Amino acid sequence: MTLEKLAALLESTGLPVTYLDWPEGAAPPLPFICYLVAYSNNFYADGELYLTVQRIHVELYTKVKDLDAESRVEDALRKIPWQKSETYLNTEKCYQILYEIEV
C-alpha cells in the first residue's frame, strides 16, 4: 500500500487528514487525523534488501473520548492489521489514539 492509498482510506472517514502535522495556526477543530512514517523494518535475504516495510503511525486527535471517530478510523483500516494505544496529552488538552500499521 502506498501513502497515497492510505491517505485516501483515511479521508474516507470524513475527518480532516494531513501528513505529519498542520501548518502553524491552520489546524482544524478536533477531531482530526495525522499520519506519518515512523520508521522502517526492512527484511534482508541473501545479503540484499528483499522487502521494505514501513511502520506508519495514524494518530486520531479528539477533545473527548470519541467512539464514533475511532469507529470511523477502524472501519477505514479494516483490511489492514493494526495495533491501538491511547493517551491523553495534557499540554494539548486532547486524546491521542494511535494506530500502528505496517505497509
N, C-alpha and C. Protein backbone atom coordinates (compact mmCIF):
# COMPACT_ATOMS: atom_id res chain seq x y z
N MET A 1 0.84 -1.18 0.00
CA MET A 1 0.00 0.00 0.00
C MET A 1 0.89 1.24 0.00
N THR A 2 0.51 2.22 -0.78
CA THR A 2 1.25 3.47 -0.85
C THR A 2 0.68 4.46 0.17
N LEU A 3 1.45 5.49 0.45
CA LEU A 3 0.96 6.54 1.35
C LEU A 3 -0.26 7.24 0.75
N GLU A 4 -0.30 7.35 -0.57
CA GLU A 4 -1.45 7.99 -1.22
C GLU A 4 -2.72 7.18 -0.99
N LYS A 5 -2.62 5.85 -1.10
CA LYS A 5 -3.78 4.99 -0.87
C LYS A 5 -4.20 5.04 0.59
N LEU A 6 -3.23 5.07 1.49
CA LEU A 6 -3.55 5.19 2.91
C LEU A 6 -4.26 6.51 3.18
N ALA A 7 -3.77 7.59 2.59
CA ALA A 7 -4.42 8.90 2.76
C ALA A 7 -5.86 8.85 2.27
N ALA A 8 -6.10 8.20 1.14
CA ALA A 8 -7.47 8.09 0.62
C ALA A 8 -8.36 7.30 1.58
N LEU A 9 -7.82 6.22 2.16
CA LEU A 9 -8.60 5.45 3.15
C LEU A 9 -8.95 6.33 4.34
N LEU A 10 -7.97 7.08 4.83
CA LEU A 10 -8.21 7.93 5.99
C LEU A 10 -9.19 9.06 5.66
N GLU A 11 -9.09 9.60 4.47
CA GLU A 11 -10.02 10.67 4.06
C GLU A 11 -11.45 10.15 3.95
N SER A 12 -11.61 8.85 3.72
CA SER A 12 -12.96 8.27 3.64
C SER A 12 -13.70 8.33 4.98
N THR A 13 -12.99 8.65 6.06
CA THR A 13 -13.62 8.79 7.38
C THR A 13 -14.44 10.08 7.46
N GLY A 14 -14.17 11.03 6.58
CA GLY A 14 -14.83 12.33 6.64
C GLY A 14 -14.16 13.29 7.60
N LEU A 15 -13.09 12.84 8.27
CA LEU A 15 -12.35 13.69 9.19
C LEU A 15 -11.21 14.37 8.44
N PRO A 16 -10.78 15.56 8.89
CA PRO A 16 -9.63 16.20 8.27
C PRO A 16 -8.38 15.34 8.45
N VAL A 17 -7.56 15.24 7.40
CA VAL A 17 -6.37 14.38 7.39
C VAL A 17 -5.18 15.16 6.86
N THR A 18 -4.02 14.97 7.51
CA THR A 18 -2.78 15.56 7.00
C THR A 18 -1.62 14.63 7.27
N TYR A 19 -0.55 14.80 6.50
CA TYR A 19 0.68 14.07 6.76
C TYR A 19 1.50 14.85 7.79
N LEU A 20 1.91 14.21 8.84
CA LEU A 20 2.76 14.71 9.92
C LEU A 20 2.07 15.74 10.81
N ASP A 21 1.86 16.95 10.33
CA ASP A 21 1.18 17.94 11.17
C ASP A 21 0.61 19.06 10.30
N TRP A 22 -0.20 19.88 10.92
CA TRP A 22 -0.83 21.01 10.23
C TRP A 22 0.13 22.20 10.26
N PRO A 23 0.07 23.05 9.26
CA PRO A 23 0.88 24.28 9.32
C PRO A 23 0.47 25.11 10.55
N GLU A 24 1.40 25.87 11.07
CA GLU A 24 1.16 26.70 12.25
C GLU A 24 -0.12 27.52 12.10
N GLY A 25 -1.02 27.36 13.05
CA GLY A 25 -2.27 28.12 13.06
C GLY A 25 -3.33 27.63 12.10
N ALA A 26 -3.08 26.52 11.39
CA ALA A 26 -4.02 26.05 10.37
C ALA A 26 -4.72 24.75 10.75
N ALA A 27 -4.51 24.26 11.96
CA ALA A 27 -5.16 23.01 12.36
C ALA A 27 -6.67 23.22 12.45
N PRO A 28 -7.43 22.26 11.91
CA PRO A 28 -8.90 22.36 12.01
C PRO A 28 -9.34 22.00 13.43
N PRO A 29 -10.62 22.23 13.73
CA PRO A 29 -11.12 21.81 15.04
C PRO A 29 -11.04 20.28 15.18
N LEU A 30 -10.89 19.83 16.41
CA LEU A 30 -10.89 18.39 16.68
C LEU A 30 -12.25 17.80 16.40
N PRO A 31 -12.34 16.55 15.96
CA PRO A 31 -11.28 15.57 15.77
C PRO A 31 -10.63 15.71 14.39
N PHE A 32 -9.36 15.27 14.33
CA PHE A 32 -8.66 15.19 13.05
C PHE A 32 -7.63 14.08 13.12
N ILE A 33 -7.05 13.76 11.94
CA ILE A 33 -6.10 12.66 11.81
C ILE A 33 -4.78 13.19 11.24
N CYS A 34 -3.67 12.74 11.84
CA CYS A 34 -2.34 12.93 11.28
C CYS A 34 -1.74 11.55 11.06
N TYR A 35 -0.98 11.39 10.00
CA TYR A 35 -0.28 10.11 9.80
C TYR A 35 1.15 10.40 9.37
N LEU A 36 2.05 9.46 9.66
CA LEU A 36 3.45 9.65 9.32
C LEU A 36 4.17 8.32 9.28
N VAL A 37 5.28 8.29 8.55
CA VAL A 37 6.15 7.12 8.54
C VAL A 37 7.04 7.24 9.77
N ALA A 38 6.84 6.34 10.74
CA ALA A 38 7.59 6.40 11.99
C ALA A 38 8.99 5.81 11.83
N TYR A 39 9.08 4.69 11.15
CA TYR A 39 10.37 4.04 10.89
C TYR A 39 10.15 2.90 9.91
N SER A 40 11.25 2.31 9.44
CA SER A 40 11.13 1.15 8.57
C SER A 40 11.67 -0.08 9.29
N ASN A 41 11.16 -1.23 8.89
CA ASN A 41 11.56 -2.51 9.45
C ASN A 41 11.82 -3.45 8.28
N ASN A 42 12.92 -3.19 7.57
CA ASN A 42 13.20 -3.87 6.32
C ASN A 42 13.66 -5.31 6.54
N PHE A 43 13.43 -6.13 5.52
CA PHE A 43 13.80 -7.55 5.57
C PHE A 43 14.88 -7.80 4.52
N TYR A 44 15.96 -8.40 4.99
CA TYR A 44 17.08 -8.71 4.10
C TYR A 44 17.16 -10.22 3.89
N ALA A 45 17.54 -10.61 2.68
CA ALA A 45 17.75 -12.03 2.35
C ALA A 45 18.91 -12.12 1.37
N ASP A 46 19.75 -13.09 1.57
CA ASP A 46 20.91 -13.30 0.70
C ASP A 46 21.75 -12.04 0.57
N GLY A 47 21.88 -11.29 1.65
CA GLY A 47 22.73 -10.11 1.67
C GLY A 47 22.18 -8.91 0.93
N GLU A 48 20.89 -8.94 0.57
CA GLU A 48 20.29 -7.83 -0.15
C GLU A 48 18.94 -7.46 0.47
N LEU A 49 18.54 -6.24 0.22
CA LEU A 49 17.22 -5.80 0.67
C LEU A 49 16.17 -6.58 -0.12
N TYR A 50 15.36 -7.35 0.60
CA TYR A 50 14.35 -8.18 -0.03
C TYR A 50 12.98 -7.51 0.02
N LEU A 51 12.67 -6.87 1.14
CA LEU A 51 11.35 -6.28 1.32
C LEU A 51 11.46 -5.04 2.20
N THR A 52 10.91 -3.95 1.73
CA THR A 52 10.86 -2.72 2.51
C THR A 52 9.52 -2.65 3.22
N VAL A 53 9.57 -2.52 4.54
CA VAL A 53 8.35 -2.44 5.35
C VAL A 53 8.39 -1.14 6.13
N GLN A 54 7.37 -0.31 5.94
CA GLN A 54 7.29 0.96 6.65
C GLN A 54 6.30 0.84 7.80
N ARG A 55 6.68 1.32 8.95
CA ARG A 55 5.79 1.37 10.12
C ARG A 55 5.15 2.75 10.12
N ILE A 56 3.83 2.77 9.98
CA ILE A 56 3.08 4.02 9.88
C ILE A 56 2.32 4.26 11.18
N HIS A 57 2.35 5.49 11.65
CA HIS A 57 1.53 5.90 12.78
C HIS A 57 0.36 6.71 12.24
N VAL A 58 -0.84 6.27 12.57
CA VAL A 58 -2.06 7.01 12.26
C VAL A 58 -2.54 7.53 13.60
N GLU A 59 -2.59 8.85 13.75
CA GLU A 59 -2.92 9.47 15.03
C GLU A 59 -4.26 10.19 14.91
N LEU A 60 -5.20 9.76 15.73
CA LEU A 60 -6.51 10.41 15.81
C LEU A 60 -6.50 11.30 17.05
N TYR A 61 -6.80 12.57 16.87
CA TYR A 61 -6.85 13.52 17.99
C TYR A 61 -8.30 13.93 18.23
N THR A 62 -8.74 13.82 19.49
CA THR A 62 -10.11 14.18 19.85
C THR A 62 -10.12 14.98 21.14
N LYS A 63 -11.12 15.82 21.30
CA LYS A 63 -11.26 16.63 22.52
C LYS A 63 -11.73 15.77 23.69
N VAL A 64 -12.66 14.87 23.42
CA VAL A 64 -13.19 13.93 24.41
C VAL A 64 -13.06 12.53 23.83
N LYS A 65 -13.27 11.52 24.65
CA LYS A 65 -13.28 10.15 24.15
C LYS A 65 -14.39 10.05 23.11
N ASP A 66 -14.01 9.82 21.84
CA ASP A 66 -14.95 9.89 20.72
C ASP A 66 -15.02 8.52 20.03
N LEU A 67 -15.93 7.67 20.51
CA LEU A 67 -16.04 6.32 19.96
C LEU A 67 -16.47 6.32 18.50
N ASP A 68 -17.26 7.31 18.10
CA ASP A 68 -17.67 7.41 16.70
C ASP A 68 -16.46 7.67 15.80
N ALA A 69 -15.61 8.60 16.18
CA ALA A 69 -14.42 8.90 15.37
C ALA A 69 -13.49 7.69 15.33
N GLU A 70 -13.32 7.01 16.46
CA GLU A 70 -12.48 5.81 16.48
C GLU A 70 -13.05 4.74 15.56
N SER A 71 -14.36 4.57 15.60
CA SER A 71 -15.01 3.58 14.75
C SER A 71 -14.81 3.91 13.27
N ARG A 72 -14.88 5.18 12.92
CA ARG A 72 -14.68 5.58 11.53
C ARG A 72 -13.27 5.26 11.05
N VAL A 73 -12.28 5.52 11.91
CA VAL A 73 -10.89 5.19 11.55
C VAL A 73 -10.73 3.68 11.44
N GLU A 74 -11.26 2.94 12.40
CA GLU A 74 -11.11 1.49 12.39
C GLU A 74 -11.83 0.85 11.22
N ASP A 75 -12.96 1.41 10.81
CA ASP A 75 -13.64 0.92 9.61
C ASP A 75 -12.78 1.16 8.36
N ALA A 76 -12.13 2.32 8.30
CA ALA A 76 -11.28 2.63 7.14
C ALA A 76 -10.07 1.70 7.08
N LEU A 77 -9.58 1.27 8.25
CA LEU A 77 -8.40 0.42 8.33
C LEU A 77 -8.75 -1.07 8.43
N ARG A 78 -9.99 -1.43 8.18
CA ARG A 78 -10.47 -2.79 8.45
C ARG A 78 -9.71 -3.89 7.71
N LYS A 79 -9.07 -3.57 6.59
CA LYS A 79 -8.34 -4.60 5.84
C LYS A 79 -6.84 -4.56 6.11
N ILE A 80 -6.44 -3.77 7.10
CA ILE A 80 -5.03 -3.63 7.46
C ILE A 80 -4.88 -4.01 8.93
N PRO A 81 -3.98 -4.92 9.27
CA PRO A 81 -3.75 -5.21 10.69
C PRO A 81 -3.19 -3.97 11.40
N TRP A 82 -3.69 -3.68 12.58
CA TRP A 82 -3.21 -2.52 13.33
C TRP A 82 -3.17 -2.83 14.82
N GLN A 83 -2.36 -2.05 15.52
CA GLN A 83 -2.27 -2.07 16.97
C GLN A 83 -2.72 -0.69 17.44
N LYS A 84 -3.45 -0.65 18.55
CA LYS A 84 -4.04 0.60 19.02
C LYS A 84 -3.56 0.91 20.43
N SER A 85 -3.25 2.17 20.67
CA SER A 85 -2.95 2.64 22.02
C SER A 85 -3.58 4.03 22.17
N GLU A 86 -3.67 4.47 23.41
CA GLU A 86 -4.35 5.74 23.69
C GLU A 86 -3.62 6.47 24.80
N THR A 87 -3.58 7.79 24.67
CA THR A 87 -3.02 8.62 25.73
C THR A 87 -3.73 9.96 25.75
N TYR A 88 -3.67 10.62 26.89
CA TYR A 88 -4.20 11.98 26.99
C TYR A 88 -3.02 12.93 27.02
N LEU A 89 -3.05 13.93 26.15
CA LEU A 89 -1.96 14.92 26.07
C LEU A 89 -2.34 16.14 26.90
N ASN A 90 -1.79 16.24 28.08
CA ASN A 90 -2.13 17.34 28.99
C ASN A 90 -1.83 18.70 28.39
N THR A 91 -0.70 18.83 27.69
CA THR A 91 -0.32 20.12 27.13
C THR A 91 -1.26 20.58 26.03
N GLU A 92 -1.86 19.62 25.32
CA GLU A 92 -2.77 19.94 24.22
C GLU A 92 -4.24 19.84 24.62
N LYS A 93 -4.49 19.25 25.79
CA LYS A 93 -5.86 19.04 26.29
C LYS A 93 -6.70 18.24 25.31
N CYS A 94 -6.11 17.11 24.86
CA CYS A 94 -6.84 16.25 23.93
C CYS A 94 -6.34 14.81 24.06
N TYR A 95 -7.12 13.90 23.50
CA TYR A 95 -6.74 12.49 23.44
C TYR A 95 -6.01 12.23 22.13
N GLN A 96 -5.04 11.33 22.20
CA GLN A 96 -4.36 10.84 21.00
C GLN A 96 -4.58 9.33 20.95
N ILE A 97 -5.29 8.88 19.93
CA ILE A 97 -5.48 7.47 19.69
C ILE A 97 -4.50 7.10 18.58
N LEU A 98 -3.58 6.19 18.87
CA LEU A 98 -2.53 5.83 17.93
C LEU A 98 -2.81 4.45 17.35
N TYR A 99 -2.86 4.39 16.02
CA TYR A 99 -2.97 3.12 15.29
C TYR A 99 -1.63 2.90 14.60
N GLU A 100 -0.98 1.79 14.90
CA GLU A 100 0.29 1.46 14.25
C GLU A 100 0.04 0.37 13.22
N ILE A 101 0.48 0.64 11.98
CA ILE A 101 0.30 -0.30 10.89
C ILE A 101 1.60 -0.47 10.14
N GLU A 102 1.73 -1.55 9.38
CA GLU A 102 2.88 -1.76 8.51
C GLU A 102 2.41 -1.84 7.07
N VAL A 103 3.13 -1.14 6.20
CA VAL A 103 2.81 -1.20 4.76
C VAL A 103 4.09 -1.43 3.99
